[in-house]
Amino acid sequence: MNKRRLPYYASLYLILGMCIVVRGDLVNRYSFTNGDITAVDSVGGQHGTLEDDAYISSNAVQLDGNNDYVNLPGGLISGFTSATFEAWFNHSPNGTWTRVLDFGDTNPSGLGRYCLFFTPDGGGSQARLAISDADPGYDHEEIAYTSTIDFGVPVYIACVYDDVAGVMSLYVDGELEDSIPVRFPA
């Protein structure tokens, strides 16, 4: 099973941009416009579905943290060697490890394999952008860190994976927070 999920709680406005090595074209944009009942991709036509109790209000997807998410089409990021994922979000205290972005394969038990995700609270007072070959275990994982994202404050993040340069970078509100060398996939 190949899922692309954007699970989160509170508000999320997402622009998902993936660039190929030669050009930096915006290939997908999910704006969550009032009146939509699906996650409309206004650029690439790769519409997603709102799962569980997810809904669109105030031009943002609203998620309550109880298994709500936006399910994007399988294979959405396949074939890209470098990508930038951007999201504007506002979150509430709902536990650690909840994801704003979560891309990767899943097996029947729901565990991820070869995933890239961002969580505003990965425990230990740190937000994390991670790329991993999880399931089973973490044979290889690369993590870019920043301070935990404050609750109730609108935040912009850009998660950049540059396979050519071998670097993964995390930007919060336009500021580079961490950039790390990446040897993934190993």
Protein backbone atom coordinates (compact mmCIF):
# COMPACT_ATOMS: atom_id res chain seq x y z
CA MET A 1 0.00 0.00 0.00
CA ASN A 2 1.39 3.38 -0.93
CA LYS A 3 -0.09 6.31 1.04
CA ARG A 4 0.76 9.96 1.15
CA ARG A 5 -0.77 11.42 4.27
CA LEU A 6 -0.89 14.87 5.78
CA PRO A 7 -2.15 14.05 9.27
CA TYR A 8 -2.45 16.91 11.69
CA TYR A 9 -4.68 18.75 14.06
CA ALA A 10 -6.02 22.32 13.95
CA SER A 11 -5.44 24.26 10.75
CA LEU A 12 -3.22 23.40 7.85
CA TYR A 13 -2.79 25.30 4.62
CA LEU A 14 -0.38 23.46 2.41
CA ILE A 15 1.49 24.19 -0.73
CA LEU A 16 3.37 21.13 -1.82
CA GLY A 17 6.08 21.96 -4.28
CA MET A 18 8.48 19.45 -5.72
CA CYS A 19 11.30 20.50 -7.94
CA ILE A 20 13.33 18.43 -10.32
CA VAL A 21 17.06 18.91 -10.61
CA VAL A 22 17.08 21.08 -13.75
CA ARG A 23 14.02 23.23 -13.01
CA GLY A 24 12.19 24.29 -9.89
CA ASP A 25 8.62 23.94 -11.13
CA LEU A 26 5.70 23.92 -8.73
CA VAL A 27 4.00 20.62 -9.49
CA ASN A 28 1.33 20.37 -6.77
CA ARG A 29 -0.53 22.94 -4.70
CA TYR A 30 -3.17 22.12 -2.11
CA SER A 31 -4.86 25.32 -0.98
CA PHE A 32 -7.93 23.97 0.91
CA THR A 33 -10.39 26.55 -0.37
CA ASN A 34 -13.73 27.03 1.38
CA GLY A 35 -16.43 24.97 -0.30
CA ASP A 36 -14.05 22.19 -1.36
CA ILE A 37 -14.89 18.70 -0.13
CA THR A 38 -11.60 17.24 -1.37
CA ALA A 39 -7.98 18.37 -1.24
CA VAL A 40 -7.90 20.12 -4.61
CA ASP A 41 -4.53 20.26 -6.38
CA SER A 42 -4.82 23.52 -8.34
CA VAL A 43 -1.55 22.97 -10.24
CA GLY A 44 -1.08 19.26 -10.95
CA GLY A 45 -4.62 17.89 -10.74
CA GLN A 46 -3.56 15.21 -8.24
CA HIS A 47 -6.50 15.69 -5.85
CA GLY A 48 -6.50 14.11 -2.40
CA THR A 49 -9.25 13.02 -0.06
CA LEU A 50 -10.15 14.27 3.40
CA GLU A 51 -10.15 11.29 5.76
CA ASP A 52 -12.05 10.59 8.98
CA ASP A 53 -13.36 13.92 10.34
CA ALA A 54 -11.08 16.23 8.33
CA TYR A 55 -12.90 19.19 6.78
CA ILE A 56 -12.12 22.54 5.18
CA SER A 57 -13.01 25.78 6.97
CA SER A 58 -11.44 29.25 7.03
CA ASN A 59 -9.44 28.29 3.92
CA ALA A 60 -7.57 25.59 5.84
CA VAL A 61 -8.00 21.91 6.45
CA GLN A 62 -9.19 21.32 10.01
CA LEU A 63 -7.97 18.21 11.81
CA ASP A 64 -8.73 17.30 15.41
CA GLY A 65 -5.84 14.91 16.03
CA ASN A 66 -7.99 11.78 16.15
CA ASN A 67 -6.84 9.97 12.99
CA ASP A 68 -7.84 12.81 10.63
CA TYR A 69 -5.60 13.35 7.64
CA VAL A 70 -5.44 14.31 4.00
CA ASN A 71 -4.71 11.31 1.81
CA LEU A 72 -2.81 12.30 -1.33
CA PRO A 73 -2.50 10.05 -4.39
CA GLY A 74 0.03 7.22 -4.27
CA GLY A 75 3.20 7.84 -6.25
CA LEU A 76 2.87 11.61 -5.89
CA ILE A 77 6.57 12.12 -5.18
CA SER A 78 7.90 9.08 -7.03
CA GLY A 79 10.50 9.91 -9.61
CA PHE A 80 11.74 13.08 -7.93
CA THR A 81 15.32 13.09 -6.70
CA SER A 82 14.98 16.48 -5.03
CA ALA A 83 11.91 18.12 -3.55
CA THR A 84 10.71 21.05 -1.47
CA PHE A 85 7.64 20.67 0.71
CA GLU A 86 6.06 23.84 2.11
CA ALA A 87 3.26 24.16 4.64
CA TRP A 88 1.55 26.88 6.60
CA PHE A 89 -0.05 25.55 9.76
CA ASN A 90 -1.30 26.36 13.22
CA HIS A 91 -1.45 23.59 15.80
CA SER A 92 -2.76 22.87 19.26
CA PRO A 93 -1.35 20.70 22.04
CA ASN A 94 -2.30 17.20 21.03
CA GLY A 95 0.69 15.05 21.87
CA THR A 96 4.08 14.36 20.38
CA TRP A 97 4.83 12.87 16.98
CA THR A 98 1.76 14.22 15.20
CA ARG A 99 2.78 14.95 11.62
CA VAL A 100 2.28 18.00 9.41
CA LEU A 101 3.87 16.16 6.46
CA ASP A 102 4.23 12.40 6.14
CA PHE A 103 5.25 10.85 2.82
CA GLY A 104 6.26 7.24 2.37
CA ASP A 105 5.25 3.68 1.83
CA THR A 106 3.17 1.88 4.42
CA ASN A 107 2.75 -1.82 5.02
CA PRO A 108 -0.53 -3.54 6.04
CA SER A 109 0.15 -2.78 9.72
CA GLY A 110 0.35 0.94 8.89
CA LEU A 111 4.06 1.27 9.64
CA GLY A 112 6.09 3.45 7.32
CA ARG A 113 9.03 2.49 5.16
CA TYR A 114 11.23 4.98 3.33
CA CYS A 115 9.42 7.99 4.69
CA LEU A 116 9.98 11.71 4.95
CA PHE A 117 8.04 13.52 7.66
CA PHE A 118 7.86 16.72 9.72
CA THR A 119 6.53 16.84 13.25
CA PRO A 120 6.34 20.10 15.25
CA ASP A 121 6.84 18.11 18.48
CA GLY A 122 9.10 15.09 18.22
CA GLY A 123 9.72 14.94 21.97
CA GLY A 124 12.58 16.48 23.87
CA SER A 125 11.48 20.03 22.98
CA GLN A 126 12.38 19.53 19.32
CA ALA A 127 10.53 19.68 16.04
CA ARG A 128 11.92 17.24 13.48
CA LEU A 129 12.25 16.84 9.76
CA ALA A 130 13.25 13.23 9.22
CA ILE A 131 13.91 10.85 6.38
CA SER A 132 14.02 7.23 7.40
CA ASP A 133 13.99 3.63 6.27
CA ALA A 134 11.86 2.70 9.27
CA ASP A 135 9.98 -0.60 9.64
CA PRO A 136 11.28 -2.69 11.04
CA GLY A 137 13.30 -0.50 13.33
CA TYR A 138 15.40 2.43 12.21
CA ASP A 139 18.28 1.03 10.25
CA HIS A 140 18.99 4.46 8.86
CA GLU A 141 17.50 7.83 9.76
CA GLU A 142 18.56 11.41 9.12
CA ILE A 143 17.02 14.20 11.21
CA ALA A 144 17.07 18.00 10.98
CA TYR A 145 16.02 19.65 14.24
CA THR A 146 14.60 22.93 15.47
CA SER A 147 12.87 24.01 18.68
CA THR A 148 9.34 22.73 19.23
CA ILE A 149 6.86 24.88 17.32
CA ASP A 150 4.68 27.04 19.60
CA PHE A 151 0.98 26.21 19.88
CA GLY A 152 -1.62 28.52 18.37
CA VAL A 153 0.88 30.48 16.28
CA PRO A 154 0.72 30.42 12.46
CA VAL A 155 3.96 28.91 11.16
CA TYR A 156 5.50 28.46 7.72
CA ILE A 157 7.90 25.58 7.11
CA ALA A 158 9.92 24.55 4.07
CA CYS A 159 11.44 21.10 4.04
CA VAL A 160 14.08 20.72 1.35
CA TYR A 161 15.59 17.43 0.22
CA ASP A 162 18.42 17.88 -2.30
CA ASP A 163 19.66 14.49 -3.44
CA VAL A 164 22.28 15.96 -5.79
CA ALA A 165 23.96 17.97 -3.00
CA GLY A 166 23.23 15.24 -0.43
CA VAL A 167 21.58 17.75 1.94
CA MET A 168 18.28 18.04 3.79
CA SER A 169 17.32 21.46 5.19
CA LEU A 170 14.55 22.75 7.44
CA TYR A 171 13.34 26.35 7.27
CA VAL A 172 10.88 27.84 9.78
CA ASP A 173 9.29 31.20 8.97
CA GLY A 174 11.93 31.75 6.27
CA GLU A 175 14.92 31.11 8.53
CA LEU A 176 17.25 28.15 8.03
CA GLU A 177 17.04 26.13 11.25
CA ASP A 178 19.11 23.09 10.34
CA SER A 179 20.83 21.63 7.30
CA ILE A 180 22.37 18.18 7.44
CA PRO A 181 24.24 15.87 5.09
CA VAL A 182 22.04 12.98 4.00
CA ARG A 183 23.15 9.56 2.85
CA PHE A 184 19.69 8.28 2.14
CA PRO A 185 18.57 6.04 0.69
CA ALA A 186 21.61 4.11 1.84
